[in-house]
C-alpha atoms as a PDB file:
ATOM      1  CA  MET A   1     -45.485 -72.046  79.687  1.00  0.00           C
ATOM      2  CA  ARG A   2     -43.415 -72.269  83.185  1.00  0.00           C
ATOM      3  CA  PHE A   3     -40.729 -75.461  83.086  1.00  0.00           C
ATOM      4  CA  PRO A   4     -40.470 -77.989  85.464  1.00  0.00           C
ATOM      5  CA  SER A   5     -37.620 -77.350  88.246  1.00  0.00           C
ATOM      6  CA  LYS A   6     -34.925 -79.857  87.775  1.00  0.00           C
ATOM      7  CA  GLU A   7     -35.733 -81.735  90.537  1.00  0.00           C
ATOM      8  CA  ILE A   8     -39.396 -82.073  89.261  1.00  0.00           C
ATOM      9  CA  VAL A   9     -37.782 -83.491  85.862  1.00  0.00           C
ATOM     10  CA  GLU A  10     -35.984 -85.771  88.068  1.00  0.00           C
ATOM     11  CA  GLY A  11     -38.812 -87.225  89.945  1.00  0.00           C
ATOM     12  CA  VAL A  12     -41.081 -87.907  86.488  1.00  0.00           C
ATOM     13  CA  ARG A  13     -38.054 -89.808  85.465  1.00  0.00           C
ATOM     14  CA  LYS A  14     -37.731 -91.804  88.639  1.00  0.00           C
ATOM     15  CA  GLN A  15     -41.417 -92.529  88.622  1.00  0.00           C
ATOM     16  CA  TYR A  16     -41.806 -93.105  84.789  1.00  0.00           C
ATOM     17  CA  PRO A  17     -38.521 -95.162  83.645  1.00  0.00           C
ATOM     18  CA  VAL A  18     -37.636 -96.011  80.261  1.00  0.00           C
ATOM     19  CA  GLY A  19     -39.649 -99.141  79.142  1.00  0.00           C
ATOM     20  CA  CYS A  20     -42.429 -98.250  81.604  1.00  0.00           C
ATOM     21  CA  GLN A  21     -46.154 -99.125  80.286  1.00  0.00           C
ATOM     22  CA  VAL A  22     -48.658 -96.243  80.785  1.00  0.00           C
ATOM     23  CA  GLU A  23     -52.290 -96.089  79.556  1.00  0.00           C
ATOM     24  CA  LEU A  24     -53.581 -92.612  78.359  1.00  0.00           C
ATOM     25  CA  VAL A  25     -56.487 -90.911  80.407  1.00  0.00           C
ATOM     26  CA  GLN A  26     -56.659 -87.557  78.804  1.00  0.00           C
ATOM     27  CA  MET A  27     -54.749 -85.467  76.004  1.00  0.00           C
ATOM     28  CA  ASP A  28     -55.478 -82.479  74.422  1.00  0.00           C
ATOM     29  CA  ASP A  29     -54.603 -82.698  71.211  1.00  0.00           C
ATOM     30  CA  VAL A  30     -56.471 -83.343  67.780  1.00  0.00           C
ATOM     31  CA  GLN A  31     -53.659 -86.372  66.936  1.00  0.00           C
ATOM     32  CA  ALA A  32     -53.589 -87.676  70.034  1.00  0.00           C
ATOM     33  CA  PRO A  33     -54.253 -91.480  70.538  1.00  0.00           C
ATOM     34  CA  PRO A  34     -57.409 -92.564  71.690  1.00  0.00           C
ATOM     35  CA  VAL A  35     -58.178 -92.403  75.658  1.00  0.00           C
ATOM     36  CA  GLY A  36     -56.973 -96.062  76.799  1.00  0.00           C
ATOM     37  CA  THR A  37     -54.436 -96.963  74.208  1.00  0.00           C
ATOM     38  CA  LYS A  38     -51.208 -97.979  75.906  1.00  0.00           C
ATOM     39  CA  GLY A  39     -47.390 -97.377  75.226  1.00  0.00           C
ATOM     40  CA  THR A  40     -44.132 -97.418  76.572  1.00  0.00           C
ATOM     41  CA  VAL A  41     -41.952 -94.477  77.956  1.00  0.00           C
ATOM     42  CA  ILE A  42     -38.858 -94.110  75.841  1.00  0.00           C
ATOM     43  CA  GLY A  43     -37.237 -91.222  77.845  1.00  0.00           C
ATOM     44  CA  VAL A  44     -38.208 -88.069  79.597  1.00  0.00           C
ATOM     45  CA  ASP A  45     -37.124 -84.905  78.097  1.00  0.00           C
ATOM     46  CA  ASP A  46     -35.672 -81.787  79.944  1.00  0.00           C
ATOM     47  CA  THR A  47     -39.027 -80.246  79.989  1.00  0.00           C
ATOM     48  CA  GLY A  48     -40.860 -83.586  82.111  1.00  0.00           C
ATOM     49  CA  SER A  49     -42.615 -84.519  79.422  1.00  0.00           C
ATOM     50  CA  LEU A  50     -42.639 -88.139  78.154  1.00  0.00           C
ATOM     51  CA  LEU A  51     -41.259 -89.492  75.211  1.00  0.00           C
ATOM     52  CA  MET A  52     -43.644 -92.239  73.899  1.00  0.00           C
ATOM     53  CA  ARG A  53     -44.130 -95.200  71.620  1.00  0.00           C
ATOM     54  CA  TRP A  54     -47.668 -95.664  71.843  1.00  0.00           C
ATOM     55  CA  ASP A  55     -48.970 -99.303  70.959  1.00  0.00           C
ATOM     56  CA  ASN A  56     -51.264 -97.898  67.609  1.00  0.00           C
ATOM     57  CA  GLY A  57     -47.756 -96.399  66.301  1.00  0.00           C
ATOM     58  CA  SER A  58     -47.816 -92.970  67.327  1.00  0.00           C
ATOM     59  CA  GLY A  59     -44.972 -90.929  68.687  1.00  0.00           C
ATOM     60  CA  LEU A  60     -46.729 -88.123  70.238  1.00  0.00           C
ATOM     61  CA  ASN A  61     -45.267 -87.095  73.506  1.00  0.00           C
ATOM     62  CA  VAL A  62     -46.925 -86.914  76.922  1.00  0.00           C
ATOM     63  CA  VAL A  63     -46.612 -83.114  78.025  1.00  0.00           C
ATOM     64  CA  TYR A  64     -45.787 -82.606  81.960  1.00  0.00           C
ATOM     65  CA  GLY A  65     -48.744 -80.603  83.597  1.00  0.00           C
ATOM     66  CA  GLU A  66     -51.023 -80.957  80.437  1.00  0.00           C
ATOM     67  CA  ASP A  67     -51.604 -84.367  79.533  1.00  0.00           C
ATOM     68  CA  ILE A  68     -52.580 -87.220  82.058  1.00  0.00           C
ATOM     69  CA  VAL A  69     -51.418 -91.230  81.660  1.00  0.00           C
ATOM     70  CA  ARG A  70     -51.193 -94.052  84.467  1.00  0.00           C
ATOM     71  CA  LYS A  71     -48.550 -96.460  84.839  1.00  0.00           C
ATOM     72  CA  VAL A  72     -50.586 -99.908  83.835  1.00  0.00           C
ATOM     73  CA  ASP A  73     -48.358-101.629  86.607  1.00  0.00           C
ATOM     74  CA  ASP A  74     -50.604 -99.444  89.153  1.00  0.00           C
ATOM     75  CA  LEU A  75     -53.955-100.813  87.518  1.00  0.00           C
ATOM     76  CA  GLY A  76     -52.503-104.200  88.267  1.00  0.00           C
ATOM     77  CA  VAL A  77     -52.793-105.016  84.623  1.00  0.00           C
ATOM     78  CA  GLU A  78     -49.667-106.919  83.269  1.00  0.00           C
END
């Protein structure tokens, strides 16, 4: 696995700031929350992965370049 550059990680941090609300679109993991689950970003690690607190209680991270989420704000949901 190639790790993203510092510039990319910084961009992810700006795009998904702490407290940002997201919705899961795709995650290929047997322990993944169901698609459509919403959660809160609690940080971004040095690999660009989103550290999560999912509304269903899961803490599974969103892996940069593998998993897909979208900001709830981008959907017009408040």
